[in-house]
């Protein structure tokens, strides 16, 4: 039971149970956001890297879990109970909002592309294809905080007043409120009043996707 794989599986399960990515869990626990990255779980020569007991103690405290609960997650018992006793969930791609501006993550329609995504579990299957973005920084305060997860649907219709994630052709990614859209322009108001509203020509927008809900 006490193995490298099961320890990391328990950390991933604890993050998913709290609707966070492993990096979001690390932030909540006051650790470096990269502490639980999959790339850090093995050394360059392939030797396993183990999370410290201090890190484990901090995430248990930060999530209000107990050592017994963490042990059950190591055994996989909590996941089995949830599957058998509650609505089945699904796993969807997850990427940090700050990374979403990099090339290669999305196709032209705004869906995840390629391999190597992190993943997050949702409690139930949504009616359409979705993915998750992890908020970074304070540009979306007070609605969304650093480390919150927003669930995005590129296929959903968008109306005035909807919260949206927008990517420009210049690679800028932002979460805004759709104020007005015409045949020529897209007007976006900011969630955080400390950040300016934005206006773009339609041909400057690569894609715009509706935020369905947030996991906080």
N, C-alpha and C. Protein backbone atom coordinates (compact mmCIF):
# COMPACT_ATOMS: atom_id res chain seq x y z
N UNK A 1 0.82 -1.20 0.00
CA UNK A 1 0.00 0.00 0.00
C UNK A 1 0.87 1.26 0.00
N UNK A 2 1.92 1.28 0.84
CA UNK A 2 2.75 2.48 0.99
C UNK A 2 3.78 2.49 -0.12
N UNK A 3 3.44 3.07 -1.24
CA UNK A 3 4.34 3.10 -2.39
C UNK A 3 4.38 4.51 -2.96
N UNK A 4 5.38 4.75 -3.79
CA UNK A 4 5.54 6.05 -4.44
C UNK A 4 4.30 6.41 -5.24
N UNK A 5 3.81 5.47 -6.06
CA UNK A 5 2.64 5.74 -6.90
C UNK A 5 1.40 6.04 -6.06
N UNK A 6 1.21 5.29 -4.96
CA UNK A 6 -0.01 5.47 -4.16
C UNK A 6 0.02 6.78 -3.37
N UNK A 7 1.20 7.21 -2.94
CA UNK A 7 1.30 8.49 -2.25
C UNK A 7 0.88 9.62 -3.19
N UNK A 8 1.42 9.60 -4.41
CA UNK A 8 1.07 10.65 -5.37
C UNK A 8 -0.39 10.54 -5.80
N UNK A 9 -0.90 9.31 -5.90
CA UNK A 9 -2.31 9.13 -6.24
C UNK A 9 -3.21 9.74 -5.17
N UNK A 10 -2.80 9.63 -3.91
CA UNK A 10 -3.59 10.20 -2.81
C UNK A 10 -3.60 11.71 -2.88
N UNK A 11 -2.45 12.31 -3.21
CA UNK A 11 -2.39 13.77 -3.35
C UNK A 11 -3.27 14.23 -4.51
N UNK A 12 -3.21 13.52 -5.64
CA UNK A 12 -4.06 13.87 -6.78
C UNK A 12 -5.54 13.73 -6.42
N UNK A 13 -5.87 12.66 -5.68
CA UNK A 13 -7.27 12.43 -5.29
C UNK A 13 -7.75 13.51 -4.32
N UNK A 14 -6.88 13.93 -3.42
CA UNK A 14 -7.25 14.98 -2.47
C UNK A 14 -7.49 16.30 -3.22
N UNK A 15 -6.67 16.58 -4.21
CA UNK A 15 -6.87 17.78 -5.03
C UNK A 15 -8.20 17.69 -5.79
N UNK A 16 -8.47 16.54 -6.42
CA UNK A 16 -9.69 16.38 -7.20
C UNK A 16 -10.93 16.48 -6.31
N UNK A 17 -10.84 15.92 -5.10
CA UNK A 17 -11.99 15.95 -4.18
C UNK A 17 -12.33 17.38 -3.78
N UNK A 18 -11.33 18.25 -3.78
CA UNK A 18 -11.54 19.66 -3.45
C UNK A 18 -11.63 20.54 -4.69
N UNK A 19 -11.85 19.90 -5.84
CA UNK A 19 -12.02 20.59 -7.12
C UNK A 19 -10.84 21.48 -7.45
N UNK A 20 -9.64 20.98 -7.25
CA UNK A 20 -8.43 21.74 -7.55
C UNK A 20 -7.48 20.88 -8.37
N UNK A 21 -6.56 21.54 -9.03
CA UNK A 21 -5.45 20.84 -9.65
C UNK A 21 -4.38 20.61 -8.58
N UNK A 22 -3.40 19.75 -8.84
CA UNK A 22 -2.30 19.59 -7.88
C UNK A 22 -1.59 20.91 -7.57
N UNK A 23 -1.43 21.79 -8.57
CA UNK A 23 -0.78 23.07 -8.31
C UNK A 23 -1.67 23.97 -7.46
N UNK A 24 -2.98 23.91 -7.67
CA UNK A 24 -3.90 24.68 -6.84
C UNK A 24 -3.88 24.20 -5.41
N UNK A 25 -3.77 22.88 -5.22
CA UNK A 25 -3.66 22.33 -3.87
C UNK A 25 -2.38 22.80 -3.19
N UNK A 26 -1.29 22.83 -3.94
CA UNK A 26 -0.01 23.30 -3.39
C UNK A 26 -0.12 24.76 -2.95
N UNK A 27 -0.76 25.57 -3.78
CA UNK A 27 -0.93 26.98 -3.41
C UNK A 27 -1.73 27.13 -2.13
N UNK A 28 -2.84 26.39 -2.05
CA UNK A 28 -3.68 26.50 -0.86
C UNK A 28 -2.91 26.10 0.39
N UNK A 29 -2.00 25.16 0.25
CA UNK A 29 -1.23 24.69 1.40
C UNK A 29 -0.03 25.59 1.70
N UNK A 30 0.14 26.66 0.92
CA UNK A 30 1.25 27.56 1.16
C UNK A 30 2.58 27.06 0.59
N UNK A 31 2.51 26.14 -0.37
CA UNK A 31 3.71 25.59 -0.98
C UNK A 31 3.94 26.22 -2.36
N UNK A 32 5.12 26.00 -2.90
CA UNK A 32 5.39 26.44 -4.26
C UNK A 32 4.40 25.74 -5.21
N UNK A 33 3.79 26.47 -6.16
CA UNK A 33 2.78 25.86 -7.04
C UNK A 33 3.28 24.66 -7.83
N UNK A 34 4.59 24.54 -8.02
CA UNK A 34 5.13 23.42 -8.80
C UNK A 34 5.48 22.20 -7.94
N UNK A 35 5.22 22.28 -6.64
CA UNK A 35 5.63 21.21 -5.72
C UNK A 35 5.12 19.84 -6.14
N UNK A 36 3.86 19.79 -6.62
CA UNK A 36 3.24 18.51 -6.95
C UNK A 36 3.16 18.26 -8.45
N UNK A 37 3.89 19.03 -9.24
CA UNK A 37 3.87 18.81 -10.69
C UNK A 37 4.32 17.40 -11.03
N UNK A 38 3.71 16.83 -12.05
CA UNK A 38 4.06 15.46 -12.44
C UNK A 38 5.52 15.36 -12.89
N UNK A 39 6.04 16.44 -13.43
CA UNK A 39 7.43 16.42 -13.89
C UNK A 39 8.42 16.32 -12.74
N UNK A 40 7.97 16.61 -11.51
CA UNK A 40 8.86 16.57 -10.35
C UNK A 40 8.74 15.28 -9.56
N UNK A 41 7.95 14.34 -10.04
CA UNK A 41 7.71 13.11 -9.28
C UNK A 41 8.78 12.05 -9.53
N UNK A 42 9.60 12.30 -10.51
CA UNK A 42 10.74 11.41 -10.78
C UNK A 42 11.94 12.26 -11.14
N UNK A 43 13.11 11.82 -10.72
CA UNK A 43 14.34 12.53 -11.06
C UNK A 43 14.68 12.31 -12.53
N UNK A 44 15.65 13.06 -13.02
CA UNK A 44 16.05 12.94 -14.42
C UNK A 44 16.52 11.53 -14.75
N UNK A 45 17.15 10.87 -13.77
CA UNK A 45 17.63 9.51 -14.01
C UNK A 45 16.56 8.45 -13.76
N UNK A 46 15.33 8.89 -13.51
CA UNK A 46 14.23 7.95 -13.34
C UNK A 46 13.93 7.55 -11.92
N UNK A 47 14.77 7.93 -10.97
CA UNK A 47 14.51 7.58 -9.58
C UNK A 47 13.29 8.32 -9.05
N UNK A 48 12.46 7.65 -8.25
CA UNK A 48 11.25 8.30 -7.73
C UNK A 48 11.57 9.39 -6.72
N UNK A 49 10.83 10.48 -6.81
CA UNK A 49 10.91 11.54 -5.81
C UNK A 49 9.65 11.49 -4.96
N UNK A 50 9.82 11.51 -3.66
CA UNK A 50 8.70 11.39 -2.73
C UNK A 50 8.33 12.76 -2.17
N UNK A 51 7.05 13.05 -1.99
CA UNK A 51 6.67 14.29 -1.32
C UNK A 51 7.11 14.24 0.14
N UNK A 52 7.49 15.37 0.70
CA UNK A 52 7.93 15.40 2.09
C UNK A 52 6.75 15.23 3.04
N UNK A 53 7.05 14.74 4.23
CA UNK A 53 5.98 14.62 5.25
C UNK A 53 5.42 15.99 5.60
N UNK A 54 6.27 17.04 5.53
CA UNK A 54 5.79 18.40 5.80
C UNK A 54 4.76 18.82 4.75
N UNK A 55 5.03 18.51 3.47
CA UNK A 55 4.10 18.86 2.40
C UNK A 55 2.78 18.13 2.59
N UNK A 56 2.84 16.86 2.92
CA UNK A 56 1.62 16.09 3.13
C UNK A 56 0.83 16.65 4.30
N UNK A 57 1.52 16.99 5.39
CA UNK A 57 0.84 17.55 6.56
C UNK A 57 0.15 18.87 6.21
N UNK A 58 0.81 19.68 5.38
CA UNK A 58 0.25 20.99 5.02
C UNK A 58 -1.00 20.85 4.15
N UNK A 59 -1.01 19.89 3.20
CA UNK A 59 -2.19 19.76 2.36
C UNK A 59 -3.35 19.14 3.14
N UNK A 60 -3.04 18.26 4.08
CA UNK A 60 -4.10 17.69 4.92
C UNK A 60 -4.74 18.80 5.75
N UNK A 61 -3.92 19.66 6.32
CA UNK A 61 -4.45 20.76 7.13
C UNK A 61 -5.21 21.76 6.27
N UNK A 62 -4.69 22.07 5.09
CA UNK A 62 -5.31 23.08 4.22
C UNK A 62 -6.67 22.65 3.70
N UNK A 63 -6.87 21.35 3.55
CA UNK A 63 -8.14 20.84 3.01
C UNK A 63 -9.10 20.36 4.09
N UNK A 64 -8.66 20.38 5.35
CA UNK A 64 -9.52 19.91 6.43
C UNK A 64 -9.68 18.41 6.46
N UNK A 65 -8.77 17.69 5.79
CA UNK A 65 -8.83 16.24 5.79
C UNK A 65 -8.15 15.70 7.05
N UNK A 66 -8.14 14.41 7.21
CA UNK A 66 -7.46 13.76 8.31
C UNK A 66 -6.45 12.77 7.76
N UNK A 67 -5.55 12.32 8.60
CA UNK A 67 -4.56 11.34 8.15
C UNK A 67 -5.24 10.04 7.76
N UNK A 68 -6.35 9.71 8.44
CA UNK A 68 -7.09 8.50 8.07
C UNK A 68 -7.69 8.62 6.67
N UNK A 69 -8.22 9.81 6.37
CA UNK A 69 -8.78 10.03 5.03
C UNK A 69 -7.69 9.94 3.97
N UNK A 70 -6.54 10.51 4.27
CA UNK A 70 -5.43 10.45 3.32
C UNK A 70 -5.00 9.00 3.09
N UNK A 71 -4.98 8.22 4.17
CA UNK A 71 -4.62 6.81 4.04
C UNK A 71 -5.63 6.06 3.18
N UNK A 72 -6.91 6.37 3.35
CA UNK A 72 -7.93 5.74 2.51
C UNK A 72 -7.75 6.11 1.04
N UNK A 73 -7.37 7.38 0.80
CA UNK A 73 -7.10 7.79 -0.58
C UNK A 73 -5.91 7.03 -1.15
N UNK A 74 -4.93 6.74 -0.33
CA UNK A 74 -3.79 5.94 -0.78
C UNK A 74 -4.23 4.55 -1.20
N UNK A 75 -5.20 4.02 -0.48
CA UNK A 75 -5.69 2.67 -0.82
C UNK A 75 -6.70 2.70 -1.96
N UNK A 76 -7.13 3.90 -2.36
CA UNK A 76 -8.12 4.00 -3.43
C UNK A 76 -9.54 3.79 -2.97
N UNK A 77 -9.76 3.75 -1.65
CA UNK A 77 -11.10 3.44 -1.15
C UNK A 77 -12.07 4.58 -1.38
N UNK A 78 -11.61 5.83 -1.24
CA UNK A 78 -12.51 6.97 -1.37
C UNK A 78 -13.04 7.07 -2.79
N UNK A 79 -12.16 6.81 -3.79
CA UNK A 79 -12.61 6.88 -5.17
C UNK A 79 -13.65 5.83 -5.45
N UNK A 80 -13.46 4.62 -4.93
CA UNK A 80 -14.42 3.55 -5.17
C UNK A 80 -15.76 3.86 -4.54
N UNK A 81 -15.74 4.40 -3.31
CA UNK A 81 -16.99 4.74 -2.64
C UNK A 81 -17.75 5.80 -3.41
N UNK A 82 -17.04 6.81 -3.92
CA UNK A 82 -17.70 7.86 -4.66
C UNK A 82 -18.32 7.32 -5.94
N UNK A 83 -17.62 6.43 -6.61
CA UNK A 83 -18.14 5.88 -7.86
C UNK A 83 -19.37 5.03 -7.61
N UNK A 84 -19.36 4.23 -6.53
CA UNK A 84 -20.45 3.32 -6.28
C UNK A 84 -21.63 3.97 -5.57
N UNK A 85 -21.36 5.03 -4.81
CA UNK A 85 -22.42 5.60 -4.00
C UNK A 85 -22.97 6.91 -4.48
N UNK A 86 -22.36 7.54 -5.47
CA UNK A 86 -22.80 8.84 -5.93
C UNK A 86 -22.80 8.88 -7.45
N UNK A 87 -23.16 10.03 -7.97
CA UNK A 87 -23.16 10.16 -9.43
C UNK A 87 -21.76 9.99 -9.99
N UNK A 88 -21.61 9.27 -11.08
CA UNK A 88 -20.28 9.10 -11.66
C UNK A 88 -19.77 10.42 -12.21
N UNK A 89 -18.48 10.63 -12.10
CA UNK A 89 -17.88 11.85 -12.61
C UNK A 89 -17.11 11.57 -13.89
N UNK A 90 -16.51 12.61 -14.41
CA UNK A 90 -15.67 12.49 -15.59
C UNK A 90 -14.37 13.23 -15.35
N UNK A 91 -13.39 12.96 -16.19
CA UNK A 91 -12.12 13.66 -16.13
C UNK A 91 -11.99 14.53 -17.36
N UNK A 92 -11.63 15.81 -17.15
CA UNK A 92 -11.50 16.74 -18.27
C UNK A 92 -10.11 17.38 -18.24
N UNK A 93 -9.64 17.88 -19.39
CA UNK A 93 -8.33 18.53 -19.43
C UNK A 93 -8.30 19.79 -18.56
N UNK A 94 -7.14 20.08 -18.01
CA UNK A 94 -6.94 21.25 -17.16
C UNK A 94 -5.64 21.95 -17.57
N UNK A 95 -5.70 23.26 -17.69
CA UNK A 95 -4.50 24.05 -17.95
C UNK A 95 -4.58 25.35 -17.18
N UNK A 96 -3.44 25.89 -16.79
CA UNK A 96 -3.42 27.16 -16.10
C UNK A 96 -3.75 28.30 -17.05
N UNK A 97 -4.53 29.26 -16.56
CA UNK A 97 -4.93 30.39 -17.39
C UNK A 97 -3.72 31.14 -17.92
N UNK A 98 -2.67 31.25 -17.11
CA UNK A 98 -1.47 31.96 -17.54
C UNK A 98 -0.77 31.25 -18.69
N UNK A 99 -0.93 29.91 -18.77
CA UNK A 99 -0.29 29.14 -19.83
C UNK A 99 -1.10 29.12 -21.11
N UNK A 100 -2.36 29.49 -21.02
CA UNK A 100 -3.27 29.32 -22.16
C UNK A 100 -2.90 30.20 -23.34
N UNK A 101 -2.08 31.21 -23.12
CA UNK A 101 -1.66 32.06 -24.22
C UNK A 101 -0.53 31.47 -25.04
N UNK A 102 0.10 30.42 -24.54
CA UNK A 102 1.18 29.79 -25.30
C UNK A 102 0.63 29.04 -26.50
N UNK A 103 1.40 28.95 -27.53
CA UNK A 103 0.96 28.26 -28.73
C UNK A 103 0.85 26.76 -28.53
N UNK A 104 -0.05 26.12 -29.28
CA UNK A 104 -0.14 24.67 -29.30
C UNK A 104 -1.11 24.05 -28.33
N UNK A 105 -1.72 24.85 -27.44
CA UNK A 105 -2.62 24.27 -26.45
C UNK A 105 -4.04 24.09 -26.98
N UNK A 106 -4.45 24.91 -27.97
CA UNK A 106 -5.83 24.91 -28.43
C UNK A 106 -5.91 24.80 -29.94
N UNK A 107 -7.04 24.24 -30.41
CA UNK A 107 -7.30 24.29 -31.84
C UNK A 107 -8.03 25.58 -32.17
N UNK A 108 -8.42 25.75 -33.42
CA UNK A 108 -9.04 27.00 -33.85
C UNK A 108 -10.39 27.25 -33.20
N UNK A 109 -11.05 26.19 -32.74
CA UNK A 109 -12.37 26.32 -32.11
C UNK A 109 -12.28 26.58 -30.61
N UNK A 110 -11.05 26.56 -30.07
CA UNK A 110 -10.90 26.81 -28.64
C UNK A 110 -10.92 25.57 -27.78
N UNK A 111 -10.78 24.38 -28.40
CA UNK A 111 -10.72 23.13 -27.65
C UNK A 111 -9.26 22.75 -27.39
N UNK A 112 -9.01 22.02 -26.31
CA UNK A 112 -7.64 21.55 -26.04
C UNK A 112 -7.11 20.71 -27.19
N UNK A 113 -5.83 20.90 -27.50
CA UNK A 113 -5.20 20.14 -28.56
C UNK A 113 -3.90 19.54 -28.05
N UNK A 114 -3.50 18.42 -28.63
CA UNK A 114 -2.23 17.81 -28.28
C UNK A 114 -2.31 16.96 -27.03
N UNK A 115 -1.14 16.63 -26.48
CA UNK A 115 -1.03 15.74 -25.34
C UNK A 115 -0.38 16.46 -24.16
N UNK A 116 -0.33 15.77 -23.02
CA UNK A 116 0.41 16.29 -21.88
C UNK A 116 -0.37 17.20 -20.96
N UNK A 117 -1.68 17.27 -21.13
CA UNK A 117 -2.49 18.09 -20.24
C UNK A 117 -2.56 17.47 -18.85
N UNK A 118 -2.67 18.32 -17.83
CA UNK A 118 -3.12 17.84 -16.53
C UNK A 118 -4.61 17.56 -16.65
N UNK A 119 -5.17 16.90 -15.65
CA UNK A 119 -6.59 16.57 -15.68
C UNK A 119 -7.23 16.87 -14.33
N UNK A 120 -8.55 17.06 -14.34
CA UNK A 120 -9.30 17.28 -13.11
C UNK A 120 -10.60 16.50 -13.22
N UNK A 121 -11.08 15.98 -12.09
CA UNK A 121 -12.33 15.23 -12.06
C UNK A 121 -13.50 16.16 -11.76
N UNK A 122 -14.57 16.01 -12.52
CA UNK A 122 -15.81 16.72 -12.26
C UNK A 122 -16.81 15.74 -11.65
N UNK A 123 -17.73 16.23 -10.80
CA UNK A 123 -18.64 15.32 -10.09
C UNK A 123 -19.67 14.65 -10.97
N UNK A 124 -19.97 15.21 -12.13
CA UNK A 124 -20.97 14.61 -13.01
C UNK A 124 -20.65 15.00 -14.44
N UNK A 125 -21.18 14.24 -15.36
CA UNK A 125 -20.92 14.49 -16.77
C UNK A 125 -21.75 15.66 -17.26
N UNK A 126 -21.12 16.70 -17.82
CA UNK A 126 -21.89 17.82 -18.37
C UNK A 126 -22.54 17.43 -19.68
N UNK A 127 -23.44 18.30 -20.18
CA UNK A 127 -24.18 17.99 -21.39
C UNK A 127 -23.36 18.18 -22.66
N UNK A 128 -22.19 18.80 -22.55
CA UNK A 128 -21.38 19.07 -23.74
C UNK A 128 -19.90 19.01 -23.38
N UNK A 129 -19.06 19.06 -24.41
CA UNK A 129 -17.62 18.98 -24.19
C UNK A 129 -17.13 20.24 -23.47
N UNK A 130 -16.37 20.03 -22.42
CA UNK A 130 -15.84 21.15 -21.63
C UNK A 130 -14.39 20.88 -21.28
N UNK A 131 -13.72 21.89 -20.78
CA UNK A 131 -12.41 21.72 -20.18
C UNK A 131 -12.28 22.73 -19.04
N UNK A 132 -11.17 22.65 -18.32
CA UNK A 132 -11.00 23.47 -17.12
C UNK A 132 -9.79 24.37 -17.25
N UNK A 133 -9.91 25.59 -16.74
CA UNK A 133 -8.81 26.54 -16.66
C UNK A 133 -8.60 26.91 -15.20
N UNK A 134 -7.35 26.90 -14.76
CA UNK A 134 -7.04 27.28 -13.39
C UNK A 134 -6.65 28.75 -13.34
N UNK A 135 -7.36 29.51 -12.50
CA UNK A 135 -7.14 30.94 -12.38
C UNK A 135 -5.79 31.21 -11.72
N UNK A 136 -5.08 32.20 -12.23
CA UNK A 136 -3.85 32.65 -11.61
C UNK A 136 -3.88 34.17 -11.51
N UNK A 137 -3.40 34.69 -10.41
CA UNK A 137 -3.41 36.13 -10.20
C UNK A 137 -4.75 36.62 -9.68
N UNK A 138 -4.94 37.96 -9.69
CA UNK A 138 -6.15 38.55 -9.11
C UNK A 138 -7.01 39.30 -10.11
N UNK A 139 -6.77 39.10 -11.40
CA UNK A 139 -7.51 39.86 -12.41
C UNK A 139 -8.99 39.49 -12.45
N UNK A 140 -9.36 38.34 -11.86
CA UNK A 140 -10.75 37.91 -11.88
C UNK A 140 -11.44 38.07 -10.53
N UNK A 141 -10.73 38.70 -9.57
CA UNK A 141 -11.37 39.00 -8.30
C UNK A 141 -12.48 40.03 -8.52
N UNK A 142 -13.57 40.01 -7.73
CA UNK A 142 -13.81 39.14 -6.58
C UNK A 142 -14.54 37.84 -6.92
N UNK A 143 -14.88 37.63 -8.21
CA UNK A 143 -15.64 36.42 -8.57
C UNK A 143 -14.79 35.16 -8.41
N UNK A 144 -13.55 35.20 -8.91
CA UNK A 144 -12.69 34.03 -8.89
C UNK A 144 -11.36 34.40 -8.28
N UNK A 145 -10.86 33.51 -7.43
CA UNK A 145 -9.59 33.75 -6.74
C UNK A 145 -8.48 32.93 -7.38
N UNK A 146 -7.25 33.28 -7.04
CA UNK A 146 -6.10 32.53 -7.49
C UNK A 146 -6.23 31.07 -7.06
N UNK A 147 -6.13 30.14 -8.00
CA UNK A 147 -6.25 28.72 -7.71
C UNK A 147 -7.63 28.15 -7.98
N UNK A 148 -8.66 29.01 -8.17
CA UNK A 148 -9.99 28.50 -8.52
C UNK A 148 -9.98 27.89 -9.92
N UNK A 149 -10.92 27.01 -10.17
CA UNK A 149 -11.04 26.36 -11.47
C UNK A 149 -12.33 26.83 -12.14
N UNK A 150 -12.22 27.29 -13.39
CA UNK A 150 -13.41 27.64 -14.16
C UNK A 150 -13.61 26.60 -15.25
N UNK A 151 -14.86 26.20 -15.44
CA UNK A 151 -15.21 25.20 -16.44
C UNK A 151 -15.71 25.93 -17.68
N UNK A 152 -15.07 25.63 -18.82
CA UNK A 152 -15.26 26.39 -20.04
C UNK A 152 -15.88 25.51 -21.12
N UNK A 153 -16.84 26.07 -21.86
CA UNK A 153 -17.48 25.35 -22.96
C UNK A 153 -17.38 26.15 -24.25
N UNK A 154 -16.52 25.75 -25.18
CA UNK A 154 -16.42 26.47 -26.46
C UNK A 154 -17.68 26.33 -27.32
N UNK A 155 -18.49 25.29 -27.08
CA UNK A 155 -19.64 25.03 -27.94
C UNK A 155 -20.90 25.78 -27.48
N UNK A 156 -20.91 26.29 -26.25
CA UNK A 156 -22.10 26.96 -25.75
C UNK A 156 -22.33 28.30 -26.44
N UNK A 157 -23.59 28.61 -26.67
CA UNK A 157 -23.92 29.92 -27.22
C UNK A 157 -23.62 31.00 -26.18
N UNK A 158 -23.21 32.17 -26.66
CA UNK A 158 -22.81 33.25 -25.76
C UNK A 158 -23.74 34.44 -25.97
N UNK A 159 -24.23 34.97 -24.85
CA UNK A 159 -25.09 36.14 -24.90
C UNK A 159 -24.49 37.29 -24.09
N UNK A 160 -25.00 38.45 -24.27
CA UNK A 160 -24.56 39.62 -23.52
C UNK A 160 -24.71 39.36 -22.02
N UNK A 161 -23.66 39.69 -21.27
CA UNK A 161 -23.68 39.47 -19.82
C UNK A 161 -23.05 38.17 -19.39
N UNK A 162 -22.75 37.27 -20.34
CA UNK A 162 -22.11 36.01 -19.98
C UNK A 162 -20.64 36.23 -19.62
N UNK A 163 -20.15 35.44 -18.71
CA UNK A 163 -18.72 35.43 -18.40
C UNK A 163 -18.02 34.54 -19.41
N UNK A 164 -16.93 35.03 -19.95
CA UNK A 164 -16.27 34.33 -21.05
C UNK A 164 -14.76 34.33 -20.85
N UNK A 165 -14.11 33.37 -21.49
CA UNK A 165 -12.67 33.37 -21.65
C UNK A 165 -12.39 33.69 -23.11
N UNK A 166 -11.50 34.65 -23.33
CA UNK A 166 -11.21 35.12 -24.69
C UNK A 166 -9.72 34.98 -24.96
N UNK A 167 -9.41 34.48 -26.12
CA UNK A 167 -8.02 34.45 -26.57
C UNK A 167 -7.90 35.28 -27.84
N UNK A 168 -6.96 36.22 -27.84
CA UNK A 168 -6.73 37.03 -29.03
C UNK A 168 -5.73 36.34 -29.94
N UNK A 169 -5.65 36.79 -31.17
CA UNK A 169 -4.70 36.22 -32.12
C UNK A 169 -3.26 36.55 -31.75
N UNK A 170 -3.09 37.53 -30.87
CA UNK A 170 -1.77 37.84 -30.36
C UNK A 170 -1.35 36.96 -29.21
N UNK A 171 -2.22 36.02 -28.78
CA UNK A 171 -1.88 35.09 -27.71
C UNK A 171 -2.29 35.53 -26.32
N UNK A 172 -2.97 36.67 -26.20
CA UNK A 172 -3.43 37.14 -24.89
C UNK A 172 -4.70 36.39 -24.50
N UNK A 173 -4.75 35.90 -23.27
CA UNK A 173 -5.93 35.18 -22.78
C UNK A 173 -6.46 35.92 -21.56
N UNK A 174 -7.77 36.12 -21.53
CA UNK A 174 -8.38 36.88 -20.43
C UNK A 174 -9.77 36.37 -20.14
N UNK A 175 -10.21 36.56 -18.92
CA UNK A 175 -11.58 36.24 -18.51
C UNK A 175 -12.31 37.57 -18.32
N UNK A 176 -13.40 37.73 -19.03
CA UNK A 176 -14.14 38.99 -19.00
C UNK A 176 -15.64 38.71 -19.02
N UNK A 177 -16.42 39.79 -19.08
CA UNK A 177 -17.87 39.70 -19.26
C UNK A 177 -18.19 40.29 -20.63
N UNK A 178 -18.94 39.54 -21.44
CA UNK A 178 -19.30 40.04 -22.76
C UNK A 178 -20.31 41.18 -22.61
N UNK A 179 -19.88 42.36 -22.97
CA UNK A 179 -20.74 43.54 -22.85
C UNK A 179 -21.56 43.77 -24.11
N UNK A 180 -20.90 43.59 -25.27
CA UNK A 180 -21.58 43.84 -26.55
C UNK A 180 -20.76 43.21 -27.67
N UNK A 181 -21.48 42.65 -28.65
CA UNK A 181 -20.80 42.07 -29.80
C UNK A 181 -21.55 42.46 -31.06
N UNK A 182 -20.84 43.04 -32.00
CA UNK A 182 -21.43 43.40 -33.28
C UNK A 182 -20.68 42.67 -34.38
N UNK A 183 -21.02 42.96 -35.62
CA UNK A 183 -20.33 42.33 -36.75
C UNK A 183 -18.88 42.77 -36.84
N UNK A 184 -18.53 43.89 -36.17
CA UNK A 184 -17.18 44.43 -36.29
C UNK A 184 -16.38 44.40 -35.00
N UNK A 185 -17.05 44.52 -33.87
CA UNK A 185 -16.32 44.67 -32.61
C UNK A 185 -16.87 43.75 -31.52
N UNK A 186 -15.99 43.49 -30.55
CA UNK A 186 -16.35 42.76 -29.33
C UNK A 186 -15.96 43.64 -28.14
N UNK A 187 -16.95 43.97 -27.30
CA UNK A 187 -16.69 44.80 -26.13
C UNK A 187 -16.77 43.93 -24.88
N UNK A 188 -15.73 44.01 -24.06
CA UNK A 188 -15.61 43.17 -22.87
C UNK A 188 -15.44 44.04 -21.64
N UNK A 189 -16.21 43.75 -20.59
CA UNK A 189 -16.03 44.46 -19.33
C UNK A 189 -15.26 43.57 -18.37
N UNK A 190 -14.51 44.19 -17.48
CA UNK A 190 -13.65 43.44 -16.58
C UNK A 190 -14.40 42.97 -15.34
N UNK A 191 -14.02 41.78 -14.88
CA UNK A 191 -14.57 41.25 -13.64
C UNK A 191 -14.06 42.07 -12.46
N UNK A 192 -12.77 42.37 -12.49
CA UNK A 192 -12.14 43.15 -11.44
C UNK A 192 -12.13 44.63 -11.85
N UNK A 193 -12.74 45.52 -11.06
CA UNK A 193 -12.80 46.94 -11.46
C UNK A 193 -11.42 47.61 -11.54
N UNK A 194 -10.39 46.98 -10.98
CA UNK A 194 -9.04 47.53 -11.07
C UNK A 194 -8.41 47.32 -12.45
N UNK A 195 -9.07 46.50 -13.28
CA UNK A 195 -8.55 46.22 -14.62
C UNK A 195 -9.46 46.87 -15.65
N UNK A 196 -8.90 47.40 -16.74
CA UNK A 196 -9.72 48.15 -17.71
C UNK A 196 -10.62 47.24 -18.55
N UNK A 197 -11.72 47.82 -19.03
CA UNK A 197 -12.53 47.14 -20.02
C UNK A 197 -11.74 47.10 -21.34
N UNK A 198 -12.13 46.18 -22.21
CA UNK A 198 -11.38 46.02 -23.46
C UNK A 198 -12.34 46.01 -24.65
N UNK A 199 -11.85 46.45 -25.78
CA UNK A 199 -12.61 46.39 -27.02
C UNK A 199 -11.68 45.89 -28.13
N UNK A 200 -12.18 44.93 -28.92
CA UNK A 200 -11.38 44.35 -29.99
C UNK A 200 -12.19 44.33 -31.28
N UNK A 201 -11.48 44.41 -32.38
CA UNK A 201 -12.10 44.10 -33.66
C UNK A 201 -12.34 42.60 -33.72
N UNK A 202 -13.40 42.19 -34.38
CA UNK A 202 -13.76 40.77 -34.44
C UNK A 202 -12.60 39.93 -34.98
N UNK A 203 -11.88 40.47 -35.97
CA UNK A 203 -10.80 39.68 -36.56
C UNK A 203 -9.55 39.61 -35.66
N UNK A 204 -9.57 40.28 -34.50
CA UNK A 204 -8.48 40.16 -33.53
C UNK A 204 -8.71 39.01 -32.56
N UNK A 205 -9.93 38.48 -32.53
CA UNK A 205 -10.29 37.42 -31.59
C UNK A 205 -10.06 36.05 -32.22
N UNK A 206 -9.27 35.22 -31.57
CA UNK A 206 -9.05 33.86 -32.07
C UNK A 206 -10.22 32.96 -31.68
N UNK A 207 -10.63 33.00 -30.41
CA UNK A 207 -11.83 32.30 -29.97
C UNK A 207 -12.34 32.90 -28.67
N UNK A 208 -13.62 32.64 -28.41
CA UNK A 208 -14.26 33.10 -27.19
C UNK A 208 -15.16 31.97 -26.69
N UNK A 209 -15.01 31.60 -25.42
CA UNK A 209 -15.75 30.46 -24.87
C UNK A 209 -16.44 30.88 -23.58
N UNK A 210 -17.61 30.35 -23.37
CA UNK A 210 -18.42 30.71 -22.20
C UNK A 210 -17.94 29.95 -20.96
N UNK A 211 -17.88 30.66 -19.83
CA UNK A 211 -17.61 30.03 -18.52
C UNK A 211 -18.94 29.51 -18.01
N UNK A 212 -19.04 28.18 -17.82
CA UNK A 212 -20.28 27.58 -17.34
C UNK A 212 -20.42 27.71 -15.84
N UNK A 213 -19.37 27.36 -15.12
CA UNK A 213 -19.39 27.45 -13.66
C UNK A 213 -17.98 27.38 -13.13
N UNK A 214 -17.84 27.65 -11.86
CA UNK A 214 -16.53 27.67 -11.23
C UNK A 214 -16.54 26.76 -10.03
N UNK A 215 -15.38 26.13 -9.80
CA UNK A 215 -15.19 25.28 -8.62
C UNK A 215 -14.27 26.04 -7.67
N UNK A 216 -14.80 26.42 -6.50
CA UNK A 216 -14.05 27.27 -5.59
C UNK A 216 -13.80 26.60 -4.27
